[in-house]
Protein backbone atom coordinates (compact mmCIF):
# COMPACT_ATOMS: atom_id res chain seq x y z
CA UNK A 1 -27.96 17.76 30.39
CA UNK A 2 -28.35 16.10 33.77
CA UNK A 3 -29.87 12.74 34.59
CA UNK A 4 -32.94 13.10 36.81
CA UNK A 5 -33.12 11.68 40.32
CA UNK A 6 -35.84 9.31 39.13
CA UNK A 7 -33.59 7.94 36.39
CA UNK A 8 -30.53 7.66 38.64
CA UNK A 9 -32.45 5.95 41.45
CA UNK A 10 -34.27 3.67 39.03
CA UNK A 11 -31.08 2.50 37.35
CA UNK A 12 -29.28 1.96 40.67
CA UNK A 13 -32.25 0.06 42.12
CA UNK A 14 -32.65 -2.15 39.05
CA UNK A 15 -28.93 -2.95 39.10
CA UNK A 16 -29.13 -3.79 42.81
CA UNK A 17 -32.16 -6.00 42.24
CA UNK A 18 -30.36 -7.79 39.41
CA UNK A 19 -27.30 -8.46 41.57
CA UNK A 20 -29.22 -9.57 44.69
CA UNK A 21 -31.94 -11.70 43.10
CA UNK A 22 -29.91 -14.92 42.92
CA UNK A 23 -31.89 -17.85 41.49
CA UNK A 24 -34.65 -15.40 40.55
CA UNK A 25 -35.63 -14.88 44.20
CA UNK A 26 -37.69 -11.80 45.07
CA UNK A 27 -35.85 -8.93 46.74
CA UNK A 28 -37.49 -6.66 49.30
CA UNK A 29 -37.81 -2.96 48.48
CA UNK A 30 -36.59 -2.08 51.97
CA UNK A 31 -33.34 -3.97 51.36
CA UNK A 32 -32.68 -2.23 48.05
CA UNK A 33 -33.58 1.17 49.52
CA UNK A 34 -31.17 0.60 52.40
CA UNK A 35 -28.28 -0.54 50.21
CA UNK A 36 -28.78 2.26 47.68
CA UNK A 37 -29.72 5.02 50.13
CA UNK A 38 -33.04 5.67 48.36
CA UNK A 39 -36.20 6.61 50.30
CA UNK A 40 -38.46 3.53 50.49
CA UNK A 41 -41.62 5.40 49.48
CA UNK A 42 -39.90 6.88 46.44
CA UNK A 43 -38.52 3.47 45.43
CA UNK A 44 -41.97 1.88 45.77
CA UNK A 45 -43.32 4.47 43.32
CA UNK A 46 -40.52 3.72 40.85
CA UNK A 47 -41.03 -0.03 41.16
CA UNK A 48 -44.76 0.47 40.54
CA UNK A 49 -43.94 2.09 37.19
CA UNK A 50 -41.40 -0.63 36.36
CA UNK A 51 -43.92 -3.36 37.25
CA UNK A 52 -46.69 -1.79 35.15
CA UNK A 53 -44.29 -1.60 32.20
CA UNK A 54 -43.53 -5.32 32.45
CA UNK A 55 -39.92 -5.05 33.62
CA UNK A 56 -40.60 -6.25 37.18
CA UNK A 57 -42.99 -8.67 38.79
CA UNK A 58 -44.05 -8.59 42.41
CA UNK A 59 -44.39 -11.48 44.84
CA UNK A 60 -46.70 -11.11 47.83
CA UNK A 61 -46.23 -12.57 51.26
CA UNK A 62 -43.58 -12.87 53.94
CA UNK A 63 -40.93 -13.94 51.42
CA UNK A 64 -42.20 -11.48 48.83
CA UNK A 65 -40.62 -8.62 47.02
CA UNK A 66 -39.73 -7.84 43.42
CA UNK A 67 -37.91 -9.74 40.74
CA UNK A 68 -37.10 -9.12 37.11
CA UNK A 69 -39.93 -10.05 34.76
CA UNK A 70 -37.42 -10.71 31.96
CA UNK A 71 -33.80 -11.69 31.78
CA UNK A 72 -31.37 -8.88 32.64
CA UNK A 73 -29.77 -9.41 29.24
CA UNK A 74 -33.13 -8.57 27.62
CA UNK A 75 -33.73 -5.32 29.53
CA UNK A 76 -31.98 -2.28 28.09
CA UNK A 77 -31.24 0.96 29.87
CA UNK A 78 -33.56 2.61 27.33
CA UNK A 79 -36.36 0.23 28.47
CA UNK A 80 -35.87 1.29 32.09
CA UNK A 81 -35.78 5.02 31.31
CA UNK A 82 -38.87 4.70 29.10
CA UNK A 83 -40.75 2.82 31.85
CA UNK A 84 -39.83 5.55 34.32
CA UNK A 85 -40.95 8.16 31.78
CA UNK A 86 -37.49 9.75 31.85
CA UNK A 87 -36.44 10.40 28.25
CA UNK A 88 -33.27 12.21 27.30
CA UNK A 89 -34.28 15.45 25.63
CA UNK A 90 -31.93 17.84 23.90
CA UNK A 91 -34.05 20.91 23.32
CA UNK A 92 -37.74 21.20 22.52
CA UNK A 93 -37.03 20.60 18.83
CA UNK A 94 -36.46 16.93 19.64
CA UNK A 95 -39.87 16.49 21.31
CA UNK A 96 -43.35 16.05 19.87
CA UNK A 97 -44.09 19.70 20.73
CA UNK A 98 -41.49 20.83 18.24
CA UNK A 99 -39.92 24.27 18.05
CA UNK A 100 -40.99 27.28 16.06
CA UNK A 101 -37.37 28.28 15.45
CA UNK A 102 -36.26 24.94 13.99
CA UNK A 103 -36.25 26.18 10.39
CA UNK A 104 -33.39 28.62 11.08
CA UNK A 105 -31.80 27.01 14.15
CA UNK A 106 -28.10 26.26 13.64
CA UNK A 107 -28.04 23.64 16.45
CA UNK A 108 -30.94 21.43 15.30
CA UNK A 109 -28.72 18.90 13.50
CA UNK A 110 -26.26 18.90 16.41
CA UNK A 111 -28.98 17.94 18.91
CA UNK A 112 -30.27 15.27 16.53
CA UNK A 113 -26.78 13.71 16.36
CA UNK A 114 -26.26 13.90 20.12
CA UNK A 115 -29.68 12.36 20.82
CA UNK A 116 -29.06 9.63 18.25
CA UNK A 117 -25.71 8.76 19.84
CA UNK A 118 -27.16 8.70 23.36
CA UNK A 119 -30.14 6.61 22.23
CA UNK A 120 -27.80 4.12 20.55
CA UNK A 121 -25.82 3.63 23.78
CA UNK A 122 -28.96 3.33 25.94
CA UNK A 123 -30.55 0.84 23.55
CA UNK A 124 -27.43 -1.32 23.29
CA UNK A 125 -26.54 -1.40 27.01
CA UNK A 126 -28.43 -3.94 29.11
CA UNK A 127 -29.20 -4.21 32.78
CA UNK A 128 -26.88 -7.21 32.81
CA UNK A 129 -24.06 -5.00 31.49
CA UNK A 130 -24.34 -2.49 34.33
CA UNK A 131 -24.85 -5.22 36.95
CA UNK A 132 -21.70 -6.95 35.68
CA UNK A 133 -19.83 -3.63 35.92
CA UNK A 134 -20.98 -3.23 39.54
CA UNK A 135 -19.89 -6.78 40.41
CA UNK A 136 -16.54 -6.19 38.72
CA UNK A 137 -16.03 -2.99 40.72
CA UNK A 138 -16.86 -4.74 43.98
CA UNK A 139 -14.50 -7.63 43.25
CA UNK A 140 -11.63 -5.53 41.92
CA UNK A 141 -8.72 -4.65 44.13
CA UNK A 142 -7.63 -1.96 41.68
CA UNK A 143 -8.93 1.56 42.03
CA UNK A 144 -10.09 3.70 39.16
CA UNK A 145 -8.38 7.11 39.29
CA UNK A 146 -11.22 8.79 37.35
CA UNK A 147 -13.86 7.50 39.78
CA UNK A 148 -11.74 8.60 42.74
CA UNK A 149 -11.29 12.08 41.25
CA UNK A 150 -15.05 12.49 40.80
CA UNK A 151 -15.74 11.20 44.33
CA UNK A 152 -13.13 13.52 45.84
CA UNK A 153 -14.65 16.54 44.05
CA UNK A 154 -18.07 15.64 45.46
CA UNK A 155 -16.70 15.21 48.97
CA UNK A 156 -14.93 18.57 48.80
CA UNK A 157 -18.12 20.28 47.63
CA UNK A 158 -20.15 18.64 50.40
CA UNK A 159 -17.65 19.63 53.10
CA UNK A 160 -17.58 23.33 52.14
C-alpha cells in the first residue's frame, strides 16, 4: 500500500495552511505551493475539492487566499482523504465492487482488520495533531534517527 500523491500533497498543504493561518488569516496558494514544493495548478485543484467538501473557505481579493472552514481540531485526516477522494483500499473485497473470490479467500479477514486499524487512526488523528507535530519538529533541536535514516535512503536512491 502506498499513499497517493494527491493524498500526500493534500495532507502537507492542509498542515501548512493550518500552521501559517495565524488569527484565521487567509493563506495564498502560491505561498503554500512554494513552501511545500507542490505545483500551484495541482494544489489549486486539491483546494477546490477541499473547499467543496466544506473543509476550506476561500477569500477573494488582494489579501485573499484560503483558510480552514472549521477548527483544525475538528478536521480529521479521514475527512481530508475523503474530501480528496483518496480512500485506503486493501483489495477489491473491501470496496463496493466486492470480489468474487471472497467466499474462499484466506486473506479477507486480514484486510478487514488492517483497514479497520488504519481507519481508526485516520479518524482519531486531527489536522491539529499533525500541525502540532510539524511545529514540534521545527522547534526541536534534537534529531530523530528514524527520520534521518529514511531521508538518507531517499538521498542515496536519488543520487544513483
